[in-house]
Amino acid sequence: MVNNQRGLTAVFAALADPTRRRILMRLANGEESAVSALAKPFRISAPAISRHLRIIEKARLIERRRKGRVHLVRARPAGLAPAQQWLAQCAAGWDFSFDKLDELLQQQLRKER
């Protein structure tokens, strides 16, 4: 449970930053990208891009490999599974709560008639 919570927190921390979300969107096509090409549209330093990539990698949303001097990055869609599961659980609970509220309101309306 604790390990799952850490992973979930890491995913949401990675997604909390707009630069990291843009990096992930650039990788959404499923292809590998060189870090230098990935960093090109951002107006931040190479060390800043590396820090962002480390956070995304720690959240297991990307995987990295080296080919000679070139660092290649690829999205890891399975890394989003903990966040998707958590959101689905929350949504199910909210739906249940709203269904119960609707039921109570319908009962109240019937009593008033």
C-alpha atoms as a PDB file:
ATOM      1  CA  MET A   1       0.000   0.000   0.000  1.00  0.00           C
ATOM      2  CA  VAL A   2       2.739   2.488   0.964  1.00  0.00           C
ATOM      3  CA  ASN A   3       4.763   1.674  -2.135  1.00  0.00           C
ATOM      4  CA  ASN A   4       1.655   2.168  -4.273  1.00  0.00           C
ATOM      5  CA  GLN A   5       1.054   5.559  -2.609  1.00  0.00           C
ATOM      6  CA  ARG A   6       4.630   6.633  -3.342  1.00  0.00           C
ATOM      7  CA  GLY A   7       4.235   5.672  -6.981  1.00  0.00           C
ATOM      8  CA  LEU A   8       0.930   7.504  -7.221  1.00  0.00           C
ATOM      9  CA  THR A   9       2.428  10.597  -5.588  1.00  0.00           C
ATOM     10  CA  ALA A  10       5.380  10.481  -7.992  1.00  0.00           C
ATOM     11  CA  VAL A  11       3.028  10.312 -11.002  1.00  0.00           C
ATOM     12  CA  PHE A  12       0.958  13.272  -9.831  1.00  0.00           C
ATOM     13  CA  ALA A  13       4.115  15.236  -8.952  1.00  0.00           C
ATOM     14  CA  ALA A  14       5.449  14.605 -12.446  1.00  0.00           C
ATOM     15  CA  LEU A  15       2.161  15.679 -14.020  1.00  0.00           C
ATOM     16  CA  ALA A  16       1.862  18.771 -11.804  1.00  0.00           C
ATOM     17  CA  ASP A  17       4.389  20.759 -13.822  1.00  0.00           C
ATOM     18  CA  PRO A  18       3.346  22.203 -17.219  1.00  0.00           C
ATOM     19  CA  THR A  19       6.820  21.684 -18.710  1.00  0.00           C
ATOM     20  CA  ARG A  20       6.772  18.006 -17.795  1.00  0.00           C
ATOM     21  CA  ARG A  21       3.275  17.629 -19.231  1.00  0.00           C
ATOM     22  CA  ARG A  22       4.471  19.221 -22.483  1.00  0.00           C
ATOM     23  CA  ILE A  23       7.452  16.847 -22.562  1.00  0.00           C
ATOM     24  CA  LEU A  24       5.091  13.892 -22.154  1.00  0.00           C
ATOM     25  CA  MET A  25       2.826  15.241 -24.891  1.00  0.00           C
ATOM     26  CA  ARG A  26       5.813  15.434 -27.239  1.00  0.00           C
ATOM     27  CA  LEU A  27       6.475  11.758 -26.484  1.00  0.00           C
ATOM     28  CA  ALA A  28       2.829  10.724 -26.859  1.00  0.00           C
ATOM     29  CA  ASN A  29       3.362   9.425 -30.399  1.00  0.00           C
ATOM     30  CA  GLY A  30       5.160   6.409 -28.897  1.00  0.00           C
ATOM     31  CA  GLU A  31       8.458   7.018 -30.664  1.00  0.00           C
ATOM     32  CA  GLU A  32      11.852   7.514 -29.093  1.00  0.00           C
ATOM     33  CA  SER A  33      13.262  11.002 -29.049  1.00  0.00           C
ATOM     34  CA  ALA A  34      16.742  12.273 -28.361  1.00  0.00           C
ATOM     35  CA  VAL A  35      16.860  14.463 -25.271  1.00  0.00           C
ATOM     36  CA  SER A  36      18.395  17.290 -27.302  1.00  0.00           C
ATOM     37  CA  ALA A  37      15.519  17.192 -29.818  1.00  0.00           C
ATOM     38  CA  LEU A  38      12.985  16.898 -27.033  1.00  0.00           C
ATOM     39  CA  ALA A  39      14.441  19.950 -25.262  1.00  0.00           C
ATOM     40  CA  LYS A  40      14.612  22.154 -28.358  1.00  0.00           C
ATOM     41  CA  PRO A  41      11.241  24.000 -28.052  1.00  0.00           C
ATOM     42  CA  PHE A  42      11.748  24.770 -24.359  1.00  0.00           C
ATOM     43  CA  ARG A  43      13.467  27.962 -23.298  1.00  0.00           C
ATOM     44  CA  ILE A  44      15.203  26.392 -20.347  1.00  0.00           C
ATOM     45  CA  SER A  45      18.715  25.093 -19.762  1.00  0.00           C
ATOM     46  CA  ALA A  46      19.878  21.555 -20.495  1.00  0.00           C
ATOM     47  CA  PRO A  47      20.326  20.839 -16.758  1.00  0.00           C
ATOM     48  CA  ALA A  48      16.717  21.964 -16.149  1.00  0.00           C
ATOM     49  CA  ILE A  49      15.454  19.602 -18.863  1.00  0.00           C
ATOM     50  CA  SER A  50      17.502  16.807 -17.273  1.00  0.00           C
ATOM     51  CA  ARG A  51      15.920  17.491 -13.877  1.00  0.00           C
ATOM     52  CA  HIS A  52      12.448  17.373 -15.427  1.00  0.00           C
ATOM     53  CA  LEU A  53      13.283  14.100 -17.162  1.00  0.00           C
ATOM     54  CA  ARG A  54      14.589  12.584 -13.912  1.00  0.00           C
ATOM     55  CA  ILE A  55      11.309  13.412 -12.168  1.00  0.00           C
ATOM     56  CA  ILE A  56       9.299  11.930 -15.040  1.00  0.00           C
ATOM     57  CA  GLU A  57      11.560   8.869 -15.078  1.00  0.00           C
ATOM     58  CA  LYS A  58      11.245   8.420 -11.288  1.00  0.00           C
ATOM     59  CA  ALA A  59       7.459   8.378 -11.791  1.00  0.00           C
ATOM     60  CA  ARG A  60       8.026   5.600 -14.362  1.00  0.00           C
ATOM     61  CA  LEU A  61       6.319   7.619 -17.109  1.00  0.00           C
ATOM     62  CA  ILE A  62       9.336   7.394 -19.428  1.00  0.00           C
ATOM     63  CA  GLU A  63      12.228   5.063 -20.032  1.00  0.00           C
ATOM     64  CA  ARG A  64      15.685   6.161 -21.082  1.00  0.00           C
ATOM     65  CA  ARG A  65      18.507   4.478 -22.919  1.00  0.00           C
ATOM     66  CA  ARG A  66      21.813   5.541 -24.355  1.00  0.00           C
ATOM     67  CA  LYS A  67      23.015   4.998 -27.881  1.00  0.00           C
ATOM     68  CA  GLY A  68      26.603   6.168 -27.885  1.00  0.00           C
ATOM     69  CA  ARG A  69      26.509   9.752 -26.640  1.00  0.00           C
ATOM     70  CA  VAL A  70      22.836  10.229 -27.429  1.00  0.00           C
ATOM     71  CA  HIS A  71      20.261   9.799 -24.678  1.00  0.00           C
ATOM     72  CA  LEU A  72      16.959   8.495 -26.039  1.00  0.00           C
ATOM     73  CA  VAL A  73      13.649   8.805 -24.227  1.00  0.00           C
ATOM     74  CA  ARG A  74      10.376   6.972 -24.810  1.00  0.00           C
ATOM     75  CA  ALA A  75       7.004   7.354 -23.097  1.00  0.00           C
ATOM     76  CA  ARG A  76       5.852   4.541 -20.836  1.00  0.00           C
ATOM     77  CA  PRO A  77       2.036   4.695 -20.946  1.00  0.00           C
ATOM     78  CA  ALA A  78       1.737   1.901 -18.363  1.00  0.00           C
ATOM     79  CA  GLY A  79       3.204   4.341 -15.849  1.00  0.00           C
ATOM     80  CA  LEU A  80      -0.114   6.201 -15.824  1.00  0.00           C
ATOM     81  CA  ALA A  81      -2.004   3.122 -14.584  1.00  0.00           C
ATOM     82  CA  PRO A  82      -1.780   3.965 -10.859  1.00  0.00           C
ATOM     83  CA  ALA A  83      -3.221   7.437 -11.470  1.00  0.00           C
ATOM     84  CA  GLN A  84      -5.934   6.064 -13.753  1.00  0.00           C
ATOM     85  CA  GLN A  85      -6.930   3.462 -11.147  1.00  0.00           C
ATOM     86  CA  TRP A  86      -7.005   6.038  -8.357  1.00  0.00           C
ATOM     87  CA  LEU A  87      -9.122   8.429 -10.437  1.00  0.00           C
ATOM     88  CA  ALA A  88     -11.497   5.599 -11.375  1.00  0.00           C
ATOM     89  CA  GLN A  89     -11.957   4.703  -7.689  1.00  0.00           C
ATOM     90  CA  CYS A  90     -12.665   8.343  -6.839  1.00  0.00           C
ATOM     91  CA  ALA A  91     -15.116   8.689  -9.710  1.00  0.00           C
ATOM     92  CA  ALA A  92     -16.940   5.522  -8.664  1.00  0.00           C
ATOM     93  CA  GLY A  93     -17.260   6.852  -5.128  1.00  0.00           C
ATOM     94  CA  TRP A  94     -18.483  10.218  -6.354  1.00  0.00           C
ATOM     95  CA  ASP A  95     -20.981   8.581  -8.698  1.00  0.00           C
ATOM     96  CA  PHE A  96     -22.258   6.449  -5.817  1.00  0.00           C
ATOM     97  CA  SER A  97     -22.589   9.546  -3.610  1.00  0.00           C
ATOM     98  CA  PHE A  98     -24.456  11.463  -6.295  1.00  0.00           C
ATOM     99  CA  ASP A  99     -26.746   8.482  -6.934  1.00  0.00           C
ATOM    100  CA  LYS A 100     -27.554   8.303  -3.202  1.00  0.00           C
ATOM    101  CA  LEU A 101     -28.173  12.057  -3.090  1.00  0.00           C
ATOM    102  CA  ASP A 102     -30.476  11.804  -6.097  1.00  0.00           C
ATOM    103  CA  GLU A 103     -32.352   8.947  -4.432  1.00  0.00           C
ATOM    104  CA  LEU A 104     -32.808  10.998  -1.240  1.00  0.00           C
ATOM    105  CA  LEU A 105     -34.015  14.004  -3.221  1.00  0.00           C
ATOM    106  CA  GLN A 106     -36.502  11.860  -5.132  1.00  0.00           C
ATOM    107  CA  GLN A 107     -37.825  10.427  -1.855  1.00  0.00           C
ATOM    108  CA  GLN A 108     -38.207  13.939  -0.433  1.00  0.00           C
ATOM    109  CA  LEU A 109     -40.096  15.076  -3.538  1.00  0.00           C
ATOM    110  CA  ARG A 110     -42.469  12.095  -3.268  1.00  0.00           C
ATOM    111  CA  LYS A 111     -43.155  12.906   0.414  1.00  0.00           C
ATOM    112  CA  GLU A 112     -43.930  16.516  -0.401  1.00  0.00           C
ATOM    113  CA  ARG A 113     -46.504  15.541  -3.043  1.00  0.00           C
END
